[in-house]
Amino acid sequence: MQIHTLDKAGIINELKFGTGISHAVEQGRRADFALLLSMFSNDVRDHTPVEAIDELDTSENRLRQQFGVPEPQQLRSDQSSYDISAQQSAGFHQASIASAKLSHYLKPEVLAYMPEDTYDFPEEVYQNLSGHDRRKLANKKAPDLPNATLYNQLSTAHRMHQIQVQA
C-alpha cells in the first residue's frame, strides 16, 4: 500500500505544472483547477522561489590577500617607520638603487615624517606655544560640549508639557 504519494511527488507550486493551470482556467475546467490548487503546499516558503545567495567578501583586506598586494603606504610616520627607512638606506648603501627600490616596493616608507607629540601642530607652531599651553594640550580630554544634551532636555520638556495639558 502506497501512502503519501502526492507528498513525495514534490508538486508544490505552479512552476512545476507548467501551463496546465492556465489551460484549465482558459478552458473552464474548474475541477482540474481545484485539484491542481489543492496539491499546492500551504507553506509560503515553498511558493516563493528562494535561492541561497552567496555573498562574496570583497573587502579591501580580502582582495589584498587574494592578489598578493601589500598594505597601503602609510601617510604619517610612527616609531616603526624609522626602522624601515634605516633598512632601506642600508640596502641602498650595500647594494644599489635597485635594492632600495625593491625594499620600498615590499615595504613602502611613509609619505611624511611628522614630529611626534606635537598634537598635530607643525613643529614651529608647537615650539612657539607657552609652557602653559603645552600643559593644557597634554591634559586636554574630550571637547566640552555644553549643548550636547540640549535635544534630550527639550524633548523631555515637550513631553512633560503634553502630559500636563492632558491631565
N, C-alpha and C. Protein backbone atom coordinates (compact mmCIF):
# COMPACT_ATOMS: atom_id res chain seq x y z
N MET A 1 0.83 -1.17 0.00
CA MET A 1 0.00 0.00 0.00
C MET A 1 0.88 1.24 0.00
N GLN A 2 0.60 2.14 -0.90
CA GLN A 2 1.39 3.36 -1.01
C GLN A 2 0.70 4.49 -0.27
N ILE A 3 1.46 5.12 0.60
CA ILE A 3 0.93 6.23 1.39
C ILE A 3 1.70 7.48 1.03
N HIS A 4 1.02 8.61 0.98
CA HIS A 4 1.63 9.92 0.73
C HIS A 4 2.32 9.99 -0.62
N THR A 5 1.71 9.48 -1.63
CA THR A 5 2.34 9.55 -2.94
C THR A 5 2.35 10.98 -3.48
N LEU A 6 1.33 11.78 -3.13
CA LEU A 6 1.34 13.16 -3.59
C LEU A 6 2.41 13.98 -2.87
N ASP A 7 2.64 13.65 -1.60
CA ASP A 7 3.68 14.38 -0.86
C ASP A 7 5.06 14.10 -1.43
N LYS A 8 5.26 12.88 -1.86
CA LYS A 8 6.56 12.51 -2.40
C LYS A 8 6.74 13.00 -3.83
N ALA A 9 5.66 13.42 -4.47
CA ALA A 9 5.75 13.88 -5.86
C ALA A 9 6.48 15.22 -5.94
N GLY A 10 6.43 15.99 -4.89
CA GLY A 10 7.15 17.26 -4.88
C GLY A 10 6.46 18.35 -5.67
N ILE A 11 5.16 18.23 -5.90
CA ILE A 11 4.43 19.26 -6.63
C ILE A 11 4.03 20.32 -5.62
N ILE A 12 4.65 21.47 -5.69
CA ILE A 12 4.39 22.47 -4.67
C ILE A 12 4.00 23.83 -5.23
N ASN A 13 4.29 24.12 -6.46
CA ASN A 13 3.91 25.44 -6.98
C ASN A 13 3.56 25.34 -8.45
N GLU A 14 3.06 26.47 -8.99
CA GLU A 14 2.56 26.48 -10.36
C GLU A 14 3.68 26.31 -11.39
N LEU A 15 4.91 26.57 -11.00
CA LEU A 15 6.01 26.41 -11.95
C LEU A 15 6.22 24.94 -12.32
N LYS A 16 5.90 24.05 -11.39
CA LYS A 16 6.08 22.62 -11.65
C LYS A 16 5.04 22.10 -12.63
N PHE A 17 3.85 22.73 -12.66
CA PHE A 17 2.78 22.25 -13.53
C PHE A 17 2.90 22.79 -14.94
N GLY A 18 3.68 23.81 -15.13
CA GLY A 18 3.81 24.39 -16.46
C GLY A 18 2.56 25.16 -16.83
N THR A 19 2.02 24.87 -18.00
CA THR A 19 0.85 25.61 -18.48
C THR A 19 -0.46 24.91 -18.15
N GLY A 20 -0.42 23.85 -17.34
CA GLY A 20 -1.63 23.09 -17.01
C GLY A 20 -2.67 23.93 -16.29
N ILE A 21 -2.24 24.80 -15.38
CA ILE A 21 -3.19 25.63 -14.64
C ILE A 21 -3.83 26.65 -15.57
N SER A 22 -3.01 27.31 -16.37
CA SER A 22 -3.57 28.34 -17.26
C SER A 22 -4.51 27.73 -18.28
N HIS A 23 -4.22 26.52 -18.77
CA HIS A 23 -5.15 25.86 -19.70
C HIS A 23 -6.46 25.51 -19.01
N ALA A 24 -6.38 25.09 -17.75
CA ALA A 24 -7.60 24.75 -17.01
C ALA A 24 -8.46 25.99 -16.81
N VAL A 25 -7.83 27.14 -16.57
CA VAL A 25 -8.59 28.39 -16.40
C VAL A 25 -9.18 28.82 -17.73
N GLU A 26 -8.39 28.77 -18.81
CA GLU A 26 -8.88 29.23 -20.12
C GLU A 26 -10.03 28.36 -20.62
N GLN A 27 -9.94 27.05 -20.37
CA GLN A 27 -10.96 26.14 -20.89
C GLN A 27 -12.12 25.94 -19.92
N GLY A 28 -12.06 26.58 -18.77
CA GLY A 28 -13.17 26.49 -17.83
C GLY A 28 -13.26 25.17 -17.08
N ARG A 29 -12.18 24.45 -16.96
CA ARG A 29 -12.19 23.17 -16.24
C ARG A 29 -11.96 23.45 -14.75
N ARG A 30 -13.04 23.72 -14.03
CA ARG A 30 -12.95 24.09 -12.63
C ARG A 30 -12.45 22.94 -11.76
N ALA A 31 -12.84 21.76 -12.07
CA ALA A 31 -12.43 20.60 -11.27
C ALA A 31 -10.92 20.39 -11.36
N ASP A 32 -10.38 20.49 -12.57
CA ASP A 32 -8.94 20.34 -12.74
C ASP A 32 -8.19 21.46 -12.00
N PHE A 33 -8.72 22.67 -12.14
CA PHE A 33 -8.10 23.81 -11.49
C PHE A 33 -8.11 23.62 -9.97
N ALA A 34 -9.23 23.20 -9.41
CA ALA A 34 -9.34 22.98 -7.97
C ALA A 34 -8.41 21.87 -7.51
N LEU A 35 -8.31 20.81 -8.31
CA LEU A 35 -7.42 19.70 -7.96
C LEU A 35 -5.97 20.16 -7.95
N LEU A 36 -5.59 20.92 -8.97
CA LEU A 36 -4.20 21.39 -9.03
C LEU A 36 -3.88 22.33 -7.87
N LEU A 37 -4.82 23.22 -7.53
CA LEU A 37 -4.60 24.13 -6.41
C LEU A 37 -4.53 23.39 -5.08
N SER A 38 -5.30 22.32 -4.95
CA SER A 38 -5.29 21.58 -3.69
C SER A 38 -3.96 20.86 -3.47
N MET A 39 -3.22 20.63 -4.54
CA MET A 39 -1.93 19.95 -4.40
C MET A 39 -0.79 20.90 -4.03
N PHE A 40 -1.05 22.20 -4.06
CA PHE A 40 -0.01 23.15 -3.68
C PHE A 40 0.27 23.06 -2.19
N SER A 41 1.45 23.42 -1.84
CA SER A 41 1.84 23.43 -0.43
C SER A 41 1.28 24.67 0.25
N ASN A 42 0.95 24.54 1.53
CA ASN A 42 0.45 25.67 2.30
C ASN A 42 1.58 26.53 2.86
N ASP A 43 2.79 26.08 2.74
CA ASP A 43 3.94 26.81 3.29
C ASP A 43 4.35 27.90 2.31
N VAL A 44 4.42 29.12 2.80
CA VAL A 44 4.77 30.24 1.94
C VAL A 44 6.19 30.10 1.40
N ARG A 45 7.07 29.52 2.18
CA ARG A 45 8.45 29.36 1.72
C ARG A 45 8.55 28.45 0.50
N ASP A 46 7.57 27.59 0.33
CA ASP A 46 7.56 26.72 -0.85
C ASP A 46 7.10 27.46 -2.08
N HIS A 47 6.25 28.49 -1.91
CA HIS A 47 5.70 29.21 -3.05
C HIS A 47 6.67 30.24 -3.61
N THR A 48 7.41 30.86 -2.75
CA THR A 48 8.33 31.90 -3.22
C THR A 48 9.64 31.25 -3.61
N PRO A 49 10.13 31.57 -4.78
CA PRO A 49 11.42 30.99 -5.17
C PRO A 49 12.54 31.64 -4.37
N VAL A 50 13.09 30.88 -3.46
CA VAL A 50 14.16 31.38 -2.61
C VAL A 50 15.44 30.65 -2.99
N GLU A 51 16.41 31.42 -3.37
CA GLU A 51 17.70 30.85 -3.70
C GLU A 51 18.73 31.37 -2.71
N ALA A 52 19.59 30.51 -2.32
CA ALA A 52 20.65 30.94 -1.41
C ALA A 52 21.63 31.81 -2.20
N ILE A 53 21.83 33.00 -1.70
CA ILE A 53 22.73 33.93 -2.37
C ILE A 53 24.08 33.88 -1.67
N ASP A 54 25.08 33.57 -2.41
CA ASP A 54 26.42 33.54 -1.85
C ASP A 54 26.99 34.94 -1.91
N GLU A 55 27.20 35.51 -0.74
CA GLU A 55 27.77 36.85 -0.70
C GLU A 55 29.28 36.73 -0.78
N LEU A 56 29.84 37.44 -1.72
CA LEU A 56 31.28 37.42 -1.88
C LEU A 56 31.89 38.47 -0.98
N ASP A 57 32.90 38.07 -0.25
CA ASP A 57 33.61 39.01 0.61
C ASP A 57 34.59 39.78 -0.26
N THR A 58 34.24 41.03 -0.54
CA THR A 58 35.09 41.85 -1.39
C THR A 58 35.71 42.99 -0.60
N SER A 59 36.00 42.72 0.65
CA SER A 59 36.62 43.77 1.45
C SER A 59 38.05 44.00 0.94
N GLU A 60 38.56 45.14 1.30
CA GLU A 60 39.89 45.51 0.80
C GLU A 60 40.96 44.54 1.30
N ASN A 61 40.87 44.12 2.55
CA ASN A 61 41.87 43.20 3.09
C ASN A 61 41.81 41.85 2.38
N ARG A 62 40.60 41.37 2.09
CA ARG A 62 40.45 40.08 1.40
C ARG A 62 41.04 40.15 -0.01
N LEU A 63 40.77 41.24 -0.71
CA LEU A 63 41.31 41.39 -2.06
C LEU A 63 42.83 41.54 -2.04
N ARG A 64 43.34 42.22 -1.03
CA ARG A 64 44.80 42.35 -0.91
C ARG A 64 45.44 40.98 -0.71
N GLN A 65 44.81 40.13 0.11
CA GLN A 65 45.35 38.78 0.31
C GLN A 65 45.25 37.96 -0.97
N GLN A 66 44.13 38.06 -1.65
CA GLN A 66 43.90 37.25 -2.85
C GLN A 66 44.90 37.58 -3.95
N PHE A 67 45.18 38.86 -4.15
CA PHE A 67 46.07 39.25 -5.23
C PHE A 67 47.50 39.50 -4.79
N GLY A 68 47.78 39.31 -3.50
CA GLY A 68 49.14 39.46 -3.01
C GLY A 68 49.62 40.90 -3.01
N VAL A 69 48.72 41.84 -2.80
CA VAL A 69 49.09 43.25 -2.78
C VAL A 69 49.45 43.62 -1.35
N PRO A 70 50.56 44.33 -1.14
CA PRO A 70 50.93 44.68 0.23
C PRO A 70 50.01 45.76 0.80
N GLU A 71 50.20 46.03 2.06
CA GLU A 71 49.42 47.07 2.74
C GLU A 71 49.69 48.42 2.08
N PRO A 72 48.73 49.35 2.14
CA PRO A 72 48.96 50.64 1.50
C PRO A 72 50.05 51.43 2.23
N GLN A 73 50.63 52.34 1.51
CA GLN A 73 51.69 53.15 2.07
C GLN A 73 51.12 54.07 3.14
N GLN A 74 51.79 54.09 4.28
CA GLN A 74 51.32 54.94 5.37
C GLN A 74 51.53 56.40 5.00
N LEU A 75 50.66 57.23 5.50
CA LEU A 75 50.78 58.65 5.22
C LEU A 75 51.65 59.37 6.23
N ARG A 76 51.62 58.89 7.46
CA ARG A 76 52.28 59.60 8.55
C ARG A 76 53.21 58.66 9.30
N SER A 77 54.28 59.19 9.80
CA SER A 77 55.29 58.36 10.45
C SER A 77 54.88 57.97 11.86
N ASP A 78 55.44 56.84 12.30
CA ASP A 78 55.38 56.42 13.69
C ASP A 78 56.75 55.85 14.04
N GLN A 79 56.89 55.22 15.19
CA GLN A 79 58.22 54.75 15.60
C GLN A 79 58.78 53.68 14.66
N SER A 80 57.93 52.82 14.12
CA SER A 80 58.43 51.73 13.26
C SER A 80 58.90 52.25 11.90
N SER A 81 58.43 53.40 11.48
CA SER A 81 58.81 53.90 10.15
C SER A 81 60.28 54.29 10.09
N TYR A 82 60.88 54.65 11.21
CA TYR A 82 62.31 54.99 11.21
C TYR A 82 63.17 53.74 10.98
N ASP A 83 62.74 52.60 11.52
CA ASP A 83 63.46 51.35 11.28
C ASP A 83 63.39 50.94 9.81
N ILE A 84 62.21 51.09 9.22
CA ILE A 84 62.04 50.75 7.80
C ILE A 84 62.93 51.64 6.94
N SER A 85 62.97 52.91 7.25
CA SER A 85 63.80 53.84 6.50
C SER A 85 65.27 53.50 6.64
N ALA A 86 65.69 53.12 7.83
CA ALA A 86 67.09 52.75 8.05
C ALA A 86 67.45 51.49 7.27
N GLN A 87 66.54 50.52 7.20
CA GLN A 87 66.80 49.29 6.43
C GLN A 87 66.93 49.60 4.95
N GLN A 88 66.07 50.48 4.44
CA GLN A 88 66.14 50.82 3.03
C GLN A 88 67.41 51.60 2.72
N SER A 89 67.82 52.45 3.62
CA SER A 89 69.06 53.21 3.43
C SER A 89 70.26 52.27 3.43
N ALA A 90 70.26 51.31 4.36
CA ALA A 90 71.36 50.34 4.40
C ALA A 90 71.38 49.49 3.14
N GLY A 91 70.20 49.11 2.64
CA GLY A 91 70.13 48.35 1.39
C GLY A 91 70.66 49.15 0.22
N PHE A 92 70.42 50.44 0.19
CA PHE A 92 70.94 51.30 -0.88
C PHE A 92 72.46 51.38 -0.82
N HIS A 93 73.03 51.55 0.37
CA HIS A 93 74.47 51.69 0.50
C HIS A 93 75.21 50.38 0.28
N GLN A 94 74.58 49.26 0.62
CA GLN A 94 75.25 47.98 0.44
C GLN A 94 75.11 47.43 -0.98
N ALA A 95 73.96 47.63 -1.59
CA ALA A 95 73.75 47.07 -2.92
C ALA A 95 73.67 48.20 -3.94
N SER A 96 72.49 48.67 -4.22
CA SER A 96 72.35 49.74 -5.21
C SER A 96 70.93 50.30 -5.11
N ILE A 97 70.63 51.14 -6.09
CA ILE A 97 69.29 51.73 -6.13
C ILE A 97 68.22 50.66 -6.36
N ALA A 98 68.57 49.60 -7.07
CA ALA A 98 67.61 48.51 -7.32
C ALA A 98 67.19 47.85 -6.01
N SER A 99 68.16 47.68 -5.11
CA SER A 99 67.85 47.08 -3.82
C SER A 99 66.95 48.01 -3.01
N ALA A 100 67.19 49.30 -3.06
CA ALA A 100 66.36 50.26 -2.33
C ALA A 100 64.94 50.29 -2.90
N LYS A 101 64.83 50.22 -4.22
CA LYS A 101 63.50 50.21 -4.85
C LYS A 101 62.74 48.94 -4.47
N LEU A 102 63.43 47.80 -4.52
CA LEU A 102 62.79 46.54 -4.16
C LEU A 102 62.32 46.58 -2.71
N SER A 103 63.16 47.08 -1.85
CA SER A 103 62.80 47.19 -0.44
C SER A 103 61.60 48.12 -0.26
N HIS A 104 61.57 49.20 -1.02
CA HIS A 104 60.44 50.14 -0.93
C HIS A 104 59.16 49.50 -1.45
N TYR A 105 59.25 48.71 -2.51
CA TYR A 105 58.04 48.08 -3.05
C TYR A 105 57.51 47.00 -2.11
N LEU A 106 58.41 46.31 -1.42
CA LEU A 106 57.96 45.29 -0.49
C LEU A 106 57.37 45.88 0.78
N LYS A 107 58.00 46.92 1.29
CA LYS A 107 57.52 47.59 2.50
C LYS A 107 57.75 49.07 2.32
N PRO A 108 56.74 49.79 1.82
CA PRO A 108 56.95 51.20 1.48
C PRO A 108 57.17 52.09 2.70
N GLU A 109 57.95 53.12 2.47
CA GLU A 109 58.18 54.13 3.50
C GLU A 109 56.94 55.00 3.65
N VAL A 110 56.89 55.73 4.72
CA VAL A 110 55.79 56.66 4.92
C VAL A 110 55.97 57.87 4.01
N LEU A 111 54.91 58.57 3.74
CA LEU A 111 55.00 59.72 2.86
C LEU A 111 55.51 60.96 3.57
N ALA A 112 55.20 61.09 4.85
CA ALA A 112 55.62 62.29 5.58
C ALA A 112 56.11 61.90 6.96
N TYR A 113 57.26 62.41 7.33
CA TYR A 113 57.79 62.22 8.67
C TYR A 113 57.37 63.42 9.50
N MET A 114 56.36 63.22 10.29
CA MET A 114 55.80 64.29 11.12
C MET A 114 56.42 64.22 12.52
N PRO A 115 56.56 65.36 13.17
CA PRO A 115 57.08 65.34 14.54
C PRO A 115 56.07 64.67 15.47
N GLU A 116 56.58 63.96 16.44
CA GLU A 116 55.71 63.25 17.38
C GLU A 116 55.44 64.12 18.60
N ASP A 117 54.32 63.87 19.24
CA ASP A 117 53.90 64.54 20.46
C ASP A 117 53.77 66.05 20.30
N THR A 118 53.33 66.48 19.14
CA THR A 118 53.06 67.91 18.95
C THR A 118 51.57 68.15 18.76
N TYR A 119 50.76 67.12 18.97
CA TYR A 119 49.30 67.22 18.90
C TYR A 119 48.84 67.75 17.55
N ASP A 120 49.44 67.25 16.50
CA ASP A 120 49.12 67.56 15.11
C ASP A 120 49.36 69.02 14.73
N PHE A 121 50.15 69.71 15.51
CA PHE A 121 50.58 71.05 15.12
C PHE A 121 51.91 70.94 14.40
N PRO A 122 52.20 71.83 13.47
CA PRO A 122 53.56 71.86 12.92
C PRO A 122 54.56 72.15 14.04
N GLU A 123 55.77 71.68 13.85
CA GLU A 123 56.76 71.81 14.92
C GLU A 123 57.04 73.26 15.27
N GLU A 124 57.05 74.15 14.27
CA GLU A 124 57.31 75.55 14.54
C GLU A 124 56.23 76.15 15.43
N VAL A 125 54.99 75.81 15.16
CA VAL A 125 53.88 76.33 15.96
C VAL A 125 53.94 75.78 17.37
N TYR A 126 54.21 74.48 17.50
CA TYR A 126 54.26 73.86 18.82
C TYR A 126 55.39 74.45 19.66
N GLN A 127 56.54 74.71 19.04
CA GLN A 127 57.66 75.28 19.78
C GLN A 127 57.37 76.71 20.23
N ASN A 128 56.51 77.42 19.54
CA ASN A 128 56.18 78.79 19.92
C ASN A 128 55.10 78.87 21.00
N LEU A 129 54.49 77.74 21.33
CA LEU A 129 53.48 77.75 22.38
C LEU A 129 54.14 77.92 23.74
N SER A 130 53.44 78.55 24.65
CA SER A 130 53.96 78.71 26.01
C SER A 130 53.86 77.37 26.74
N GLY A 131 54.57 77.28 27.85
CA GLY A 131 54.52 76.06 28.65
C GLY A 131 53.13 75.78 29.17
N HIS A 132 52.39 76.85 29.49
CA HIS A 132 51.02 76.69 29.96
C HIS A 132 50.14 76.07 28.87
N ASP A 133 50.30 76.55 27.63
CA ASP A 133 49.50 76.00 26.53
C ASP A 133 49.87 74.55 26.24
N ARG A 134 51.15 74.22 26.38
CA ARG A 134 51.57 72.82 26.15
C ARG A 134 50.97 71.90 27.21
N ARG A 135 50.96 72.33 28.47
CA ARG A 135 50.35 71.53 29.54
C ARG A 135 48.85 71.39 29.30
N LYS A 136 48.25 72.44 28.81
CA LYS A 136 46.82 72.41 28.52
C LYS A 136 46.52 71.38 27.42
N LEU A 137 47.37 71.34 26.39
CA LEU A 137 47.19 70.36 25.32
C LEU A 137 47.38 68.94 25.85
N ALA A 138 48.35 68.74 26.73
CA ALA A 138 48.62 67.40 27.26
C ALA A 138 47.48 66.90 28.13
N ASN A 139 46.83 67.82 28.85
CA ASN A 139 45.74 67.43 29.75
C ASN A 139 44.37 67.49 29.09
N LYS A 140 44.33 67.91 27.84
CA LYS A 140 43.05 68.08 27.17
C LYS A 140 42.40 66.73 26.91
N LYS A 141 41.15 66.64 27.25
CA LYS A 141 40.38 65.41 27.02
C LYS A 141 39.39 65.68 25.91
N ALA A 142 38.25 65.05 26.00
CA ALA A 142 37.20 65.25 25.00
C ALA A 142 36.73 66.70 25.07
N PRO A 143 36.38 67.27 23.94
CA PRO A 143 35.94 68.66 23.95
C PRO A 143 34.66 68.83 24.75
N ASP A 144 34.58 69.95 25.46
CA ASP A 144 33.39 70.24 26.23
C ASP A 144 32.29 70.71 25.30
N LEU A 145 31.16 70.03 25.36
CA LEU A 145 30.01 70.40 24.54
C LEU A 145 28.86 70.72 25.48
N PRO A 146 28.66 71.98 25.82
CA PRO A 146 27.62 72.31 26.79
C PRO A 146 26.21 72.01 26.28
N ASN A 147 26.00 72.04 24.98
CA ASN A 147 24.65 71.84 24.44
C ASN A 147 24.46 70.43 23.88
N ALA A 148 25.29 69.49 24.30
CA ALA A 148 25.18 68.14 23.75
C ALA A 148 23.90 67.46 24.18
N THR A 149 23.39 67.78 25.35
CA THR A 149 22.15 67.14 25.83
C THR A 149 20.95 68.05 25.65
N LEU A 150 21.09 69.12 24.90
CA LEU A 150 20.00 70.07 24.72
C LEU A 150 18.79 69.43 24.06
N TYR A 151 19.00 68.61 23.04
CA TYR A 151 17.88 67.97 22.35
C TYR A 151 17.09 67.08 23.30
N ASN A 152 17.80 66.29 24.11
CA ASN A 152 17.11 65.41 25.06
C ASN A 152 16.32 66.23 26.09
N GLN A 153 16.89 67.32 26.55
CA GLN A 153 16.20 68.16 27.52
C GLN A 153 14.95 68.79 26.91
N LEU A 154 15.07 69.26 25.66
CA LEU A 154 13.92 69.88 25.01
C LEU A 154 12.81 68.86 24.75
N SER A 155 13.18 67.67 24.30
CA SER A 155 12.14 66.67 24.02
C SER A 155 11.48 66.20 25.31
N THR A 156 12.24 66.09 26.40
CA THR A 156 11.65 65.72 27.70
C THR A 156 10.70 66.80 28.18
N ALA A 157 11.11 68.05 28.04
CA ALA A 157 10.25 69.16 28.46
C ALA A 157 8.97 69.20 27.62
N HIS A 158 9.08 68.93 26.34
CA HIS A 158 7.91 68.91 25.46
C HIS A 158 6.93 67.82 25.88
N ARG A 159 7.44 66.63 26.18
CA ARG A 159 6.58 65.52 26.61
C ARG A 159 5.92 65.83 27.95
N MET A 160 6.70 66.41 28.86
CA MET A 160 6.12 66.76 30.16
C MET A 160 5.00 67.79 29.99
N HIS A 161 5.19 68.74 29.09
CA HIS A 161 4.15 69.73 28.82
C HIS A 161 2.90 69.05 28.25
N GLN A 162 3.08 68.10 27.33
CA GLN A 162 1.93 67.38 26.78
C GLN A 162 1.18 66.62 27.85
N ILE A 163 1.89 66.01 28.78
CA ILE A 163 1.25 65.25 29.86
C ILE A 163 0.47 66.19 30.76
N GLN A 164 1.04 67.35 31.06
CA GLN A 164 0.35 68.30 31.94
C GLN A 164 -0.91 68.86 31.28
N VAL A 165 -0.85 69.08 29.96
CA VAL A 165 -2.01 69.60 29.26
C VAL A 165 -3.14 68.57 29.25
N GLN A 166 -2.82 67.30 29.08
CA GLN A 166 -3.83 66.26 29.02
C GLN A 166 -4.44 65.98 30.38
N ALA A 167 -3.69 66.23 31.46
CA ALA A 167 -4.19 65.92 32.81
C ALA A 167 -5.19 66.92 33.33
